[in-house]
Amino acid sequence: MTTCYFDAFSGISGDMTVGALIDAGANGDSVLDCLHSLNLGATYRYEKTKRNGLAATKFHVDGGKQKDHRHLPHIAKIIGAASAISATAKQNALNIFMKLGEAEAHVHGVPLDLVHFHEVGAVDSISDIVGACVALDLLGVTEIACSPINVGSGLVETEHGTLPVPAPATAELLKQKPIYAKGPAMELTTPTGAAIVATLATHFGAMPALSIQATGFGAGTADFKVQANVLRATIGQRGGAKEATTVNILEANIDDANPQILGYAMDRLFAAGALDVTLQPLQMKKNRPGTLLSVIAKPEDTDALAAIVLRETTTIGLRITTAERRVATRRFLSVETPWGDVRMKITAQGATPEYDDCRALAEAKGVPLKDVLAQAHYAYLKEF
């Protein structure tokens, strides 16, 4: 699996995305050939440049057949007629425009088929989105992940007047995605850039386990003194682990909670999707006995689980760190016991009866849990 990880520490835009992917090894001339087949009347070029002393590639779109408004069917027709672009790149580009259209429809309170793609329908935006999809296809990328996104701050001028950053469409596109604001007070993430990662990225957070093959930097238009205005693209292969995932660990030291409260909080966290929850005894400041509450969470569940910790316990703060989680390959099969079927979890380490299945049978049939566990294991050994 070839993965592309975008580091959006200085935001993300369409031209930065194309530049980063060309810088990471996508054949720039092939990208330009594909874009010319759109027949938009534009010219395209890319050049090596620097941003705050860091070498990067800048992608340019010049001229073209500009229109005040374009509807989604018109854009789809332009992309569909481009003979040099692969079916995969076309579909990804159309999916991005659909996502953009849905965001615009929500922001303006109109049906999707009535959405006008003002600036988004401009030649440079079409070229940026299609160029990014072509470059990803040329690199053989099958998975995309993205860091938390720096959206910038301050105000931005739009066709609807002066608006706060992030612009409404950008904010809509990045719902449930990790964002922050750092650096110069300006728009760092555009709707086009937001749409690309909101549509194609399957994970937002720390970089997954990769064997790096290439990295590239795409230059933004401005050159800041406080940070390099670039988007980094890291191309690599997934690690050798059978399953490697990124998780967040939420921790809180608690010394003033009734144990009953902590037990209830644990149940609520599991119900909300926590991968694991543990309670450990601690000796805290002023010689107080306390408890370390630790929660392992999927990145997308972090905010919801943190809210539960703050709501259901007495802690006034918690720590969140990122870690890599490796999981052994596993499969399930069912065995028959005198009281009913039990699933067995099969790994390289052996076979284990599923506790919940065994407990349910023990309670329903009025037999000791230990007997159900033993019978399930015996049935597995006898049959397999």
Protein backbone atom coordinates (compact mmCIF):
# COMPACT_ATOMS: atom_id res chain seq x y z
CA MET A 1 0.00 0.00 0.00
CA THR A 2 1.47 3.33 -1.09
CA THR A 3 0.55 6.09 1.34
CA CYS A 4 0.75 9.85 0.93
CA TYR A 5 0.89 11.84 4.16
CA PHE A 6 0.32 15.59 3.98
CA ASP A 7 1.89 17.82 6.65
CA ALA A 8 -0.37 20.88 6.59
CA PHE A 9 1.62 22.80 9.22
CA SER A 10 1.37 25.94 7.07
CA GLY A 11 -2.04 25.15 5.64
CA ILE A 12 -3.02 23.54 2.37
CA SER A 13 -4.21 24.84 -0.98
CA GLY A 14 -4.69 23.30 -4.39
CA ASP A 15 -1.51 24.67 -5.94
CA MET A 16 0.53 23.68 -2.87
CA THR A 17 -0.80 20.13 -3.19
CA VAL A 18 0.15 19.82 -6.86
CA GLY A 19 3.58 21.35 -6.19
CA ALA A 20 4.25 19.01 -3.26
CA LEU A 21 3.36 15.91 -5.27
CA ILE A 22 5.52 16.94 -8.22
CA ASP A 23 8.33 17.70 -5.80
CA ALA A 24 7.85 14.20 -4.31
CA GLY A 25 8.37 12.53 -7.68
CA ALA A 26 5.19 12.77 -9.77
CA ASN A 27 6.20 13.44 -13.37
CA GLY A 28 5.52 17.14 -13.77
CA ASP A 29 5.37 17.09 -17.56
CA SER A 30 2.81 14.28 -17.47
CA VAL A 31 0.71 16.29 -15.04
CA LEU A 32 0.81 19.28 -17.41
CA ASP A 33 -0.11 17.10 -20.42
CA CYS A 34 -3.18 15.81 -18.55
CA LEU A 35 -4.20 19.33 -17.57
CA HIS A 36 -3.92 20.57 -21.15
CA SER A 37 -6.45 17.90 -22.15
CA LEU A 38 -9.05 19.80 -20.06
CA ASN A 39 -9.07 22.39 -22.86
CA LEU A 40 -9.50 25.29 -20.47
CA GLY A 41 -7.22 27.53 -22.51
CA ALA A 42 -4.77 27.88 -19.63
CA THR A 43 -1.04 27.40 -19.56
CA TYR A 44 0.68 25.49 -16.77
CA ARG A 45 4.16 25.50 -15.34
CA TYR A 46 6.09 24.48 -12.27
CA GLU A 47 9.37 25.77 -10.95
CA LYS A 48 11.78 25.22 -8.10
CA THR A 49 11.75 28.00 -5.55
CA LYS A 50 12.36 28.59 -1.84
CA ARG A 51 10.14 29.48 1.07
CA ASN A 52 11.97 30.76 4.15
CA GLY A 53 15.13 29.04 2.88
CA LEU A 54 13.44 25.67 2.19
CA ALA A 55 13.54 24.32 -1.38
CA ALA A 56 10.06 23.65 -2.80
CA THR A 57 8.12 23.42 -6.06
CA LYS A 58 5.62 26.12 -7.06
CA PHE A 59 2.80 25.21 -9.42
CA HIS A 60 1.28 27.93 -11.62
CA VAL A 61 -1.89 28.23 -13.68
CA ASP A 62 -1.95 31.18 -16.10
CA GLY A 63 -4.93 32.51 -18.05
CA GLY A 64 -7.72 30.27 -19.29
CA LYS A 65 -11.39 30.52 -20.16
CA GLN A 66 -12.74 32.25 -17.07
CA LYS A 67 -16.43 32.20 -16.21
CA ASP A 68 -18.25 33.92 -13.39
CA HIS A 69 -20.09 30.76 -12.44
CA ARG A 70 -19.90 27.07 -13.24
CA HIS A 71 -22.37 24.42 -12.12
CA LEU A 72 -21.36 20.92 -11.12
CA PRO A 73 -22.61 19.28 -14.36
CA HIS A 74 -20.50 21.71 -16.41
CA ILE A 75 -17.38 20.91 -14.41
CA ALA A 76 -18.11 17.17 -14.63
CA LYS A 77 -18.40 17.51 -18.44
CA ILE A 78 -15.04 19.29 -18.66
CA ILE A 79 -13.31 16.59 -16.61
CA GLY A 80 -15.06 13.72 -18.36
CA ALA A 81 -13.97 14.93 -21.79
CA ALA A 82 -10.26 15.05 -20.86
CA SER A 83 -8.86 12.09 -22.79
CA ALA A 84 -5.41 12.05 -21.17
CA ILE A 85 -6.68 11.64 -17.59
CA SER A 86 -7.19 8.21 -16.02
CA ALA A 87 -10.59 7.04 -14.83
CA THR A 88 -9.33 6.96 -11.24
CA ALA A 89 -8.10 10.55 -11.33
CA LYS A 90 -11.34 11.71 -12.96
CA GLN A 91 -13.48 10.01 -10.32
CA ASN A 92 -11.42 11.42 -7.46
CA ALA A 93 -11.69 14.92 -8.94
CA LEU A 94 -15.45 14.58 -9.36
CA ASN A 95 -15.77 13.35 -5.77
CA ILE A 96 -13.85 16.42 -4.57
CA PHE A 97 -16.13 18.75 -6.51
CA MET A 98 -19.17 16.95 -5.12
CA LYS A 99 -17.83 17.50 -1.61
CA LEU A 100 -17.23 21.16 -2.42
CA GLY A 101 -20.72 21.47 -3.83
CA GLU A 102 -22.28 20.00 -0.71
CA ALA A 103 -20.32 22.44 1.46
CA GLU A 104 -21.34 25.42 -0.66
CA ALA A 105 -24.97 24.26 -0.66
CA HIS A 106 -24.95 24.07 3.12
CA VAL A 107 -23.25 27.44 3.58
CA HIS A 108 -25.61 29.27 1.19
CA GLY A 109 -28.75 27.32 2.04
CA VAL A 110 -29.52 26.21 -1.52
CA PRO A 111 -30.00 22.80 -3.21
CA LEU A 112 -26.88 21.17 -4.62
CA ASP A 113 -28.03 21.53 -8.23
CA LEU A 114 -28.36 25.30 -7.79
CA VAL A 115 -24.86 25.83 -6.39
CA HIS A 116 -22.69 28.25 -8.37
CA PHE A 117 -19.00 27.35 -8.12
CA HIS A 118 -17.77 30.96 -8.02
CA GLU A 119 -14.06 31.01 -7.26
CA VAL A 120 -14.05 27.22 -6.92
CA GLY A 121 -15.23 26.92 -10.50
CA ALA A 122 -12.44 29.10 -11.79
CA VAL A 123 -9.81 27.68 -14.10
CA ASP A 124 -7.09 27.57 -11.45
CA SER A 125 -9.29 25.66 -8.98
CA ILE A 126 -10.33 23.09 -11.58
CA SER A 127 -6.71 22.71 -12.63
CA ASP A 128 -5.48 22.40 -9.04
CA ILE A 129 -7.98 19.69 -8.12
CA VAL A 130 -7.49 17.69 -11.29
CA GLY A 131 -3.71 18.18 -11.13
CA ALA A 132 -3.59 16.85 -7.58
CA CYS A 133 -5.63 13.77 -8.54
CA VAL A 134 -3.44 13.12 -11.60
CA ALA A 135 -0.24 13.45 -9.54
CA LEU A 136 -1.55 11.05 -6.87
CA ASP A 137 -2.43 8.57 -9.60
CA LEU A 138 1.02 8.88 -11.19
CA LEU A 139 2.62 8.15 -7.81
CA GLY A 140 0.45 5.07 -7.35
CA VAL A 141 -0.97 6.39 -4.09
CA THR A 142 -3.69 4.15 -2.65
CA GLU A 143 -4.08 5.79 0.77
CA ILE A 144 -3.98 9.41 1.93
CA ALA A 145 -3.55 10.72 5.46
CA CYS A 146 -3.17 14.25 6.75
CA SER A 147 -1.84 16.04 9.81
CA PRO A 148 -3.97 18.41 11.86
CA ILE A 149 -4.53 21.40 9.58
CA ASN A 150 -3.32 24.93 10.21
CA VAL A 151 -6.17 27.05 8.84
CA GLY A 152 -4.70 30.45 9.69
CA SER A 153 -6.54 33.36 11.30
CA GLY A 154 -7.67 36.91 10.65
CA LEU A 155 -9.92 37.90 7.74
CA VAL A 156 -10.20 36.92 4.09
CA GLU A 157 -11.78 38.79 1.17
CA THR A 158 -14.37 36.75 -0.73
CA GLU A 159 -17.17 37.39 -3.23
CA HIS A 160 -19.41 37.69 -0.18
CA GLY A 161 -17.29 40.37 1.43
CA THR A 162 -14.82 40.20 4.28
CA LEU A 163 -15.16 37.00 6.31
CA PRO A 164 -13.27 35.46 9.22
CA VAL A 165 -10.77 32.65 8.66
CA PRO A 166 -11.49 29.82 8.11
CA ALA A 167 -13.92 30.81 5.38
CA PRO A 168 -17.40 29.28 5.74
CA ALA A 169 -16.90 26.62 3.06
CA THR A 170 -13.51 25.66 4.52
CA ALA A 171 -14.99 25.33 7.99
CA GLU A 172 -17.83 23.18 6.65
CA LEU A 173 -15.42 20.91 4.78
CA LEU A 174 -13.24 20.43 7.85
CA LYS A 175 -16.01 19.48 10.27
CA GLN A 176 -14.86 16.72 12.64
CA LYS A 177 -11.26 17.22 11.40
CA PRO A 178 -8.46 18.49 13.67
CA ILE A 179 -7.61 22.13 12.90
CA TYR A 180 -5.70 24.95 14.60
CA ALA A 181 -4.43 28.47 13.92
CA LYS A 182 -0.76 29.43 14.11
CA GLY A 183 1.50 31.89 12.32
CA PRO A 184 0.56 34.91 10.21
CA ALA A 185 -2.99 36.27 10.45
CA MET A 186 -4.21 35.22 7.01
CA GLU A 187 -5.98 32.38 5.24
CA LEU A 188 -3.59 29.42 5.13
CA THR A 189 -6.07 26.75 4.09
CA THR A 190 -8.31 27.38 1.09
CA PRO A 191 -11.61 25.66 0.26
CA THR A 192 -9.86 23.83 -2.58
CA GLY A 193 -7.13 22.47 -0.32
CA ALA A 194 -9.65 21.57 2.37
CA ALA A 195 -11.82 19.76 -0.16
CA ILE A 196 -8.93 17.63 -1.44
CA VAL A 197 -8.03 16.21 1.96
CA ALA A 198 -11.60 16.14 3.31
CA THR A 199 -12.57 13.94 0.35
CA LEU A 200 -9.52 11.73 -0.10
CA ALA A 201 -7.86 11.43 3.31
CA THR A 202 -8.91 8.47 5.45
CA HIS A 203 -7.01 9.55 8.56
CA PHE A 204 -6.19 12.85 10.24
CA GLY A 205 -3.52 12.93 12.93
CA ALA A 206 0.03 11.70 13.35
CA MET A 207 1.90 10.09 10.48
CA PRO A 208 1.16 6.36 10.21
CA ALA A 209 3.98 3.79 10.24
CA LEU A 210 5.75 4.21 6.91
CA SER A 211 8.88 3.20 5.06
CA ILE A 212 9.58 6.56 3.40
CA GLN A 213 10.27 6.55 -0.34
CA ALA A 214 10.15 10.27 -1.09
CA THR A 215 9.21 13.65 0.31
CA GLY A 216 8.27 16.83 -1.47
CA PHE A 217 7.39 20.43 -0.62
CA GLY A 218 4.77 22.49 -2.41
CA ALA A 219 5.20 26.25 -2.14
CA GLY A 220 2.42 28.66 -1.30
CA THR A 221 2.31 32.11 -2.90
CA ALA A 222 3.49 34.12 0.12
CA ASP A 223 6.90 33.82 1.81
CA PHE A 224 6.67 34.13 5.60
CA LYS A 225 9.49 34.87 8.00
CA VAL A 226 7.97 32.94 10.90
CA GLN A 227 7.54 29.62 9.06
CA ALA A 228 8.10 28.07 5.66
CA ASN A 229 4.90 28.48 3.65
CA VAL A 230 4.95 24.96 2.24
CA LEU A 231 2.93 21.76 2.26
CA ARG A 232 4.97 18.60 2.74
CA ALA A 233 3.97 15.36 1.04
CA THR A 234 5.59 12.15 2.33
CA ILE A 235 5.26 9.09 0.11
CA GLY A 236 5.92 5.68 1.60
CA GLN A 237 4.94 2.08 2.09
CA ARG A 238 3.11 0.85 5.13
CA GLY A 239 5.34 -0.80 7.74
CA GLY A 240 5.89 -4.53 7.98
CA ALA A 241 3.42 -4.99 10.82
CA LYS A 242 0.31 -6.95 9.91
CA GLU A 243 -1.71 -4.11 11.36
CA ALA A 244 -0.31 -0.75 12.41
CA THR A 245 -2.58 2.10 13.41
CA THR A 246 -2.24 5.46 15.06
CA VAL A 247 -4.12 5.99 18.31
CA ASN A 248 -4.43 8.75 20.86
CA ILE A 249 -3.94 8.11 24.55
CA LEU A 250 -5.98 10.20 26.97
CA GLU A 251 -4.78 10.28 30.58
CA ALA A 252 -5.86 11.99 33.77
CA ASN A 253 -4.59 11.75 37.35
CA ILE A 254 -7.56 11.79 39.72
CA ASP A 255 -7.42 11.94 43.52
CA ASP A 256 -10.85 13.23 44.51
CA ALA A 257 -13.36 10.90 42.85
CA ASN A 258 -15.65 8.25 44.29
CA PRO A 259 -14.57 4.86 42.80
CA GLN A 260 -18.17 4.32 41.74
CA ILE A 261 -17.90 7.40 39.53
CA LEU A 262 -14.76 6.06 37.88
CA GLY A 263 -16.38 2.70 37.21
CA TYR A 264 -19.33 4.41 35.57
CA ALA A 265 -17.01 6.63 33.52
CA MET A 266 -15.20 3.53 32.27
CA ASP A 267 -18.51 2.04 31.08
CA ARG A 268 -19.44 5.27 29.31
CA LEU A 269 -16.06 5.47 27.57
CA PHE A 270 -16.31 1.91 26.27
CA ALA A 271 -19.86 2.58 25.06
CA ALA A 272 -18.58 5.65 23.16
CA GLY A 273 -15.96 3.66 21.24
CA ALA A 274 -12.83 3.62 23.42
CA LEU A 275 -10.45 0.87 22.31
CA ASP A 276 -9.37 0.29 25.91
CA VAL A 277 -9.81 1.92 29.31
CA THR A 278 -7.70 1.19 32.39
CA LEU A 279 -7.56 2.42 35.98
CA GLN A 280 -4.28 2.25 37.89
CA PRO A 281 -3.53 3.21 41.51
CA LEU A 282 -1.21 6.19 42.02
CA GLN A 283 0.46 7.91 44.93
CA MET A 284 -0.03 11.58 44.14
CA LYS A 285 1.10 14.90 45.59
CA LYS A 286 0.54 15.51 49.31
CA ASN A 287 0.69 11.72 49.70
CA ARG A 288 -2.82 11.32 48.40
CA PRO A 289 -3.82 7.95 46.91
CA GLY A 290 -5.21 8.49 43.44
CA THR A 291 -6.07 6.81 40.15
CA LEU A 292 -4.59 7.08 36.66
CA LEU A 293 -7.37 6.92 34.11
CA SER A 294 -6.00 5.91 30.70
CA VAL A 295 -8.05 5.72 27.51
CA ILE A 296 -6.88 4.41 24.12
CA ALA A 297 -8.87 6.09 21.35
CA LYS A 298 -9.13 6.27 17.60
CA PRO A 299 -8.05 9.77 16.53
CA GLU A 300 -11.51 10.60 15.24
CA ASP A 301 -13.07 9.67 18.61
CA THR A 302 -10.66 11.72 20.73
CA ASP A 303 -12.77 14.82 21.23
CA ALA A 304 -15.91 12.87 22.14
CA LEU A 305 -14.04 10.67 24.63
CA ALA A 306 -12.23 13.65 26.17
CA ALA A 307 -15.60 15.31 26.71
CA ILE A 308 -16.82 12.20 28.55
CA VAL A 309 -13.76 12.19 30.82
CA LEU A 310 -14.29 15.86 31.70
CA ARG A 311 -18.03 15.40 32.19
CA GLU A 312 -18.11 12.11 34.10
CA THR A 313 -15.06 12.47 36.37
CA THR A 314 -13.75 15.16 38.70
CA THR A 315 -10.62 15.92 36.70
CA ILE A 316 -10.19 19.46 35.41
CA GLY A 317 -7.72 18.48 32.67
CA LEU A 318 -6.24 15.57 30.78
CA ARG A 319 -3.22 14.77 28.65
CA ILE A 320 -3.48 13.59 25.04
CA THR A 321 -0.55 11.90 23.32
CA THR A 322 -0.22 10.04 20.03
CA ALA A 323 1.12 6.51 19.78
CA GLU A 324 1.43 3.75 17.22
CA ARG A 325 -0.61 0.64 17.92
CA ARG A 326 0.40 -2.70 16.42
CA VAL A 327 -2.18 -5.48 16.34
CA ALA A 328 -1.56 -9.12 15.44
CA THR A 329 -3.49 -10.65 12.57
CA ARG A 330 -6.60 -12.34 13.87
CA ARG A 331 -9.68 -14.16 12.64
CA PHE A 332 -12.78 -15.64 14.22
CA LEU A 333 -14.55 -18.96 13.95
CA SER A 334 -17.39 -20.50 15.89
CA VAL A 335 -17.37 -23.72 17.94
CA GLU A 336 -20.27 -25.61 19.47
CA THR A 337 -20.58 -26.22 23.21
CA PRO A 338 -23.34 -28.07 25.12
CA TRP A 339 -24.96 -24.68 25.82
CA GLY A 340 -24.57 -22.96 22.47
CA ASP A 341 -22.06 -21.54 19.99
CA VAL A 342 -18.99 -19.57 21.09
CA ARG A 343 -16.71 -17.50 18.89
CA MET A 344 -12.99 -18.23 19.09
CA LYS A 345 -10.38 -15.54 18.40
CA ILE A 346 -7.51 -17.11 16.43
CA THR A 347 -4.07 -15.45 16.44
CA ALA A 348 -0.49 -16.61 16.06
CA GLN A 349 -0.42 -16.95 19.85
CA GLY A 350 -3.31 -19.45 19.92
CA ALA A 351 -7.08 -19.59 20.25
CA THR A 352 -9.13 -17.81 22.91
CA PRO A 353 -12.88 -18.07 23.59
CA GLU A 354 -14.71 -14.76 23.36
CA TYR A 355 -15.51 -13.74 26.91
CA ASP A 356 -18.81 -12.01 26.11
CA ASP A 357 -20.14 -15.12 24.34
CA CYS A 358 -19.15 -17.35 27.24
CA ARG A 359 -20.57 -14.99 29.83
CA ALA A 360 -23.89 -14.74 28.00
CA LEU A 361 -24.21 -18.53 27.86
CA ALA A 362 -23.21 -18.91 31.53
CA GLU A 363 -25.88 -16.43 32.60
CA ALA A 364 -28.56 -17.81 30.28
CA LYS A 365 -27.98 -21.49 31.14
CA GLY A 366 -27.08 -21.07 34.80
CA VAL A 367 -23.70 -22.80 34.51
CA PRO A 368 -20.28 -21.70 35.79
CA LEU A 369 -18.38 -19.41 33.45
CA LYS A 370 -15.24 -21.52 33.86
CA ASP A 371 -17.09 -24.54 32.48
CA VAL A 372 -18.21 -22.66 29.36
CA LEU A 373 -14.67 -21.39 28.75
CA ALA A 374 -13.25 -24.90 29.17
CA GLN A 375 -15.84 -26.49 26.88
CA ALA A 376 -15.26 -23.88 24.17
CA HIS A 377 -11.52 -24.46 24.24
CA TYR A 378 -12.01 -28.24 24.22
CA ALA A 379 -14.38 -28.02 21.24
CA TYR A 380 -11.82 -25.97 19.32
CA LEU A 381 -9.00 -28.45 20.04
CA LYS A 382 -11.19 -31.41 19.11
CA GLU A 383 -12.35 -29.90 15.81
CA PHE A 384 -9.25 -28.03 14.69
